[in-house]
């Protein structure tokens, strides 16, 4: 039982680190895309305001919520493997 708890704690820490790094990476890609879009549109208005407005729209969208699959998918796989090995 102690080994199982250690596995869960280490797994949660690893998934949290991966989620944090992945969210920072996706956010930076979004920021770069918004900066490129601002340049393509003819540089109308202030760039920082345009990028911040785009980042706020990104935060309200569905895409950042998909990153939570970092937690969900490994748990589903672990539960499926546990079920198959113990009950089938």
C-alpha atoms as a PDB file:
ATOM      1  CA  UNK A   1       0.000   0.000   0.000  1.00  0.00           C
ATOM      2  CA  UNK A   2       2.845   2.380   0.795  1.00  0.00           C
ATOM      3  CA  UNK A   3       4.401   1.757  -2.629  1.00  0.00           C
ATOM      4  CA  UNK A   4       1.101   2.586  -4.308  1.00  0.00           C
ATOM      5  CA  UNK A   5       0.820   5.890  -2.433  1.00  0.00           C
ATOM      6  CA  UNK A   6       4.409   6.755  -3.320  1.00  0.00           C
ATOM      7  CA  UNK A   7       3.618   5.972  -6.973  1.00  0.00           C
ATOM      8  CA  UNK A   8       0.565   8.259  -6.873  1.00  0.00           C
ATOM      9  CA  UNK A   9       2.439  11.137  -5.258  1.00  0.00           C
ATOM     10  CA  UNK A  10       5.391  10.916  -7.645  1.00  0.00           C
ATOM     11  CA  UNK A  11       3.027  10.577 -10.595  1.00  0.00           C
ATOM     12  CA  UNK A  12       1.038  13.624  -9.521  1.00  0.00           C
ATOM     13  CA  UNK A  13       4.219  15.693  -9.134  1.00  0.00           C
ATOM     14  CA  UNK A  14       5.480  14.624 -12.573  1.00  0.00           C
ATOM     15  CA  UNK A  15       2.115  15.355 -14.205  1.00  0.00           C
ATOM     16  CA  UNK A  16       2.010  18.765 -12.505  1.00  0.00           C
ATOM     17  CA  UNK A  17       5.495  19.650 -13.753  1.00  0.00           C
ATOM     18  CA  UNK A  18       4.598  18.494 -17.260  1.00  0.00           C
ATOM     19  CA  UNK A  19       1.348  20.498 -17.157  1.00  0.00           C
ATOM     20  CA  UNK A  20       3.189  23.630 -16.037  1.00  0.00           C
ATOM     21  CA  UNK A  21       5.856  23.350 -18.704  1.00  0.00           C
ATOM     22  CA  UNK A  22       3.318  22.541 -21.398  1.00  0.00           C
ATOM     23  CA  UNK A  23       1.087  25.478 -20.462  1.00  0.00           C
ATOM     24  CA  UNK A  24       4.069  27.874 -20.550  1.00  0.00           C
ATOM     25  CA  UNK A  25       5.094  26.519 -23.952  1.00  0.00           C
ATOM     26  CA  UNK A  26       1.603  26.774 -25.473  1.00  0.00           C
ATOM     27  CA  UNK A  27       1.172  30.281 -24.047  1.00  0.00           C
ATOM     28  CA  UNK A  28       4.446  31.402 -25.636  1.00  0.00           C
ATOM     29  CA  UNK A  29       3.406  29.930 -28.991  1.00  0.00           C
ATOM     30  CA  UNK A  30       0.119  31.803 -28.755  1.00  0.00           C
ATOM     31  CA  UNK A  31       1.943  35.042 -27.920  1.00  0.00           C
ATOM     32  CA  UNK A  32       4.276  34.605 -30.912  1.00  0.00           C
ATOM     33  CA  UNK A  33       1.326  33.902 -33.214  1.00  0.00           C
ATOM     34  CA  UNK A  34      -0.447  37.042 -31.989  1.00  0.00           C
ATOM     35  CA  UNK A  35       2.667  39.150 -32.546  1.00  0.00           C
ATOM     36  CA  UNK A  36       2.959  37.798 -36.107  1.00  0.00           C
ATOM     37  CA  UNK A  37      -0.737  38.460 -36.725  1.00  0.00           C
ATOM     38  CA  UNK A  38      -0.295  42.046 -35.534  1.00  0.00           C
ATOM     39  CA  UNK A  39       2.543  42.564 -38.018  1.00  0.00           C
ATOM     40  CA  UNK A  40       0.562  40.974 -40.877  1.00  0.00           C
ATOM     41  CA  UNK A  41      -2.459  43.188 -40.198  1.00  0.00           C
ATOM     42  CA  UNK A  42      -0.383  46.291 -40.834  1.00  0.00           C
ATOM     43  CA  UNK A  43       0.695  47.134 -37.286  1.00  0.00           C
ATOM     44  CA  UNK A  44      -2.532  48.945 -36.424  1.00  0.00           C
ATOM     45  CA  UNK A  45      -2.657  50.103 -32.809  1.00  0.00           C
ATOM     46  CA  UNK A  46      -0.308  49.228 -30.019  1.00  0.00           C
ATOM     47  CA  UNK A  47       1.282  45.778 -30.203  1.00  0.00           C
ATOM     48  CA  UNK A  48       1.276  45.060 -26.459  1.00  0.00           C
ATOM     49  CA  UNK A  49      -2.426  45.879 -26.144  1.00  0.00           C
ATOM     50  CA  UNK A  50      -3.236  43.667 -29.145  1.00  0.00           C
ATOM     51  CA  UNK A  51      -1.237  40.755 -27.735  1.00  0.00           C
ATOM     52  CA  UNK A  52      -2.708  41.091 -24.222  1.00  0.00           C
ATOM     53  CA  UNK A  53      -6.247  41.158 -25.643  1.00  0.00           C
ATOM     54  CA  UNK A  54      -5.462  38.016 -27.632  1.00  0.00           C
ATOM     55  CA  UNK A  55      -4.008  36.286 -24.576  1.00  0.00           C
ATOM     56  CA  UNK A  56      -7.157  37.092 -22.583  1.00  0.00           C
ATOM     57  CA  UNK A  57      -9.277  35.636 -25.375  1.00  0.00           C
ATOM     58  CA  UNK A  58      -7.047  32.547 -25.392  1.00  0.00           C
ATOM     59  CA  UNK A  59      -7.491  32.087 -21.629  1.00  0.00           C
ATOM     60  CA  UNK A  60     -11.284  32.093 -22.044  1.00  0.00           C
ATOM     61  CA  UNK A  61     -11.178  29.598 -24.914  1.00  0.00           C
ATOM     62  CA  UNK A  62     -11.388  25.802 -24.792  1.00  0.00           C
ATOM     63  CA  UNK A  63      -7.745  25.214 -25.771  1.00  0.00           C
ATOM     64  CA  UNK A  64      -6.125  25.791 -22.357  1.00  0.00           C
ATOM     65  CA  UNK A  65      -8.693  23.490 -20.776  1.00  0.00           C
ATOM     66  CA  UNK A  66      -7.526  20.696 -23.077  1.00  0.00           C
ATOM     67  CA  UNK A  67      -4.193  20.769 -21.268  1.00  0.00           C
ATOM     68  CA  UNK A  68      -5.949  19.188 -18.292  1.00  0.00           C
ATOM     69  CA  UNK A  69      -5.827  15.967 -20.293  1.00  0.00           C
ATOM     70  CA  UNK A  70      -2.276  15.735 -18.923  1.00  0.00           C
ATOM     71  CA  UNK A  71      -3.932  14.631 -15.674  1.00  0.00           C
ATOM     72  CA  UNK A  72      -6.899  12.714 -17.075  1.00  0.00           C
ATOM     73  CA  UNK A  73      -5.334  10.488 -19.756  1.00  0.00           C
ATOM     74  CA  UNK A  74      -2.637   8.860 -17.588  1.00  0.00           C
ATOM     75  CA  UNK A  75      -5.232   8.090 -14.914  1.00  0.00           C
ATOM     76  CA  UNK A  76      -7.518   6.466 -17.475  1.00  0.00           C
ATOM     77  CA  UNK A  77      -4.646   4.390 -18.876  1.00  0.00           C
ATOM     78  CA  UNK A  78      -3.543   3.352 -15.387  1.00  0.00           C
ATOM     79  CA  UNK A  79      -7.105   2.368 -14.420  1.00  0.00           C
ATOM     80  CA  UNK A  80      -7.530   0.358 -17.632  1.00  0.00           C
ATOM     81  CA  UNK A  81      -4.243  -1.502 -17.129  1.00  0.00           C
ATOM     82  CA  UNK A  82      -5.103  -2.143 -13.471  1.00  0.00           C
ATOM     83  CA  UNK A  83      -8.528  -3.508 -14.440  1.00  0.00           C
ATOM     84  CA  UNK A  84      -7.193  -5.737 -17.219  1.00  0.00           C
ATOM     85  CA  UNK A  85      -4.388  -7.217 -15.145  1.00  0.00           C
ATOM     86  CA  UNK A  86      -6.503  -7.876 -12.064  1.00  0.00           C
ATOM     87  CA  UNK A  87      -9.989  -8.718 -13.288  1.00  0.00           C
ATOM     88  CA  UNK A  88      -9.683 -10.235 -16.767  1.00  0.00           C
END
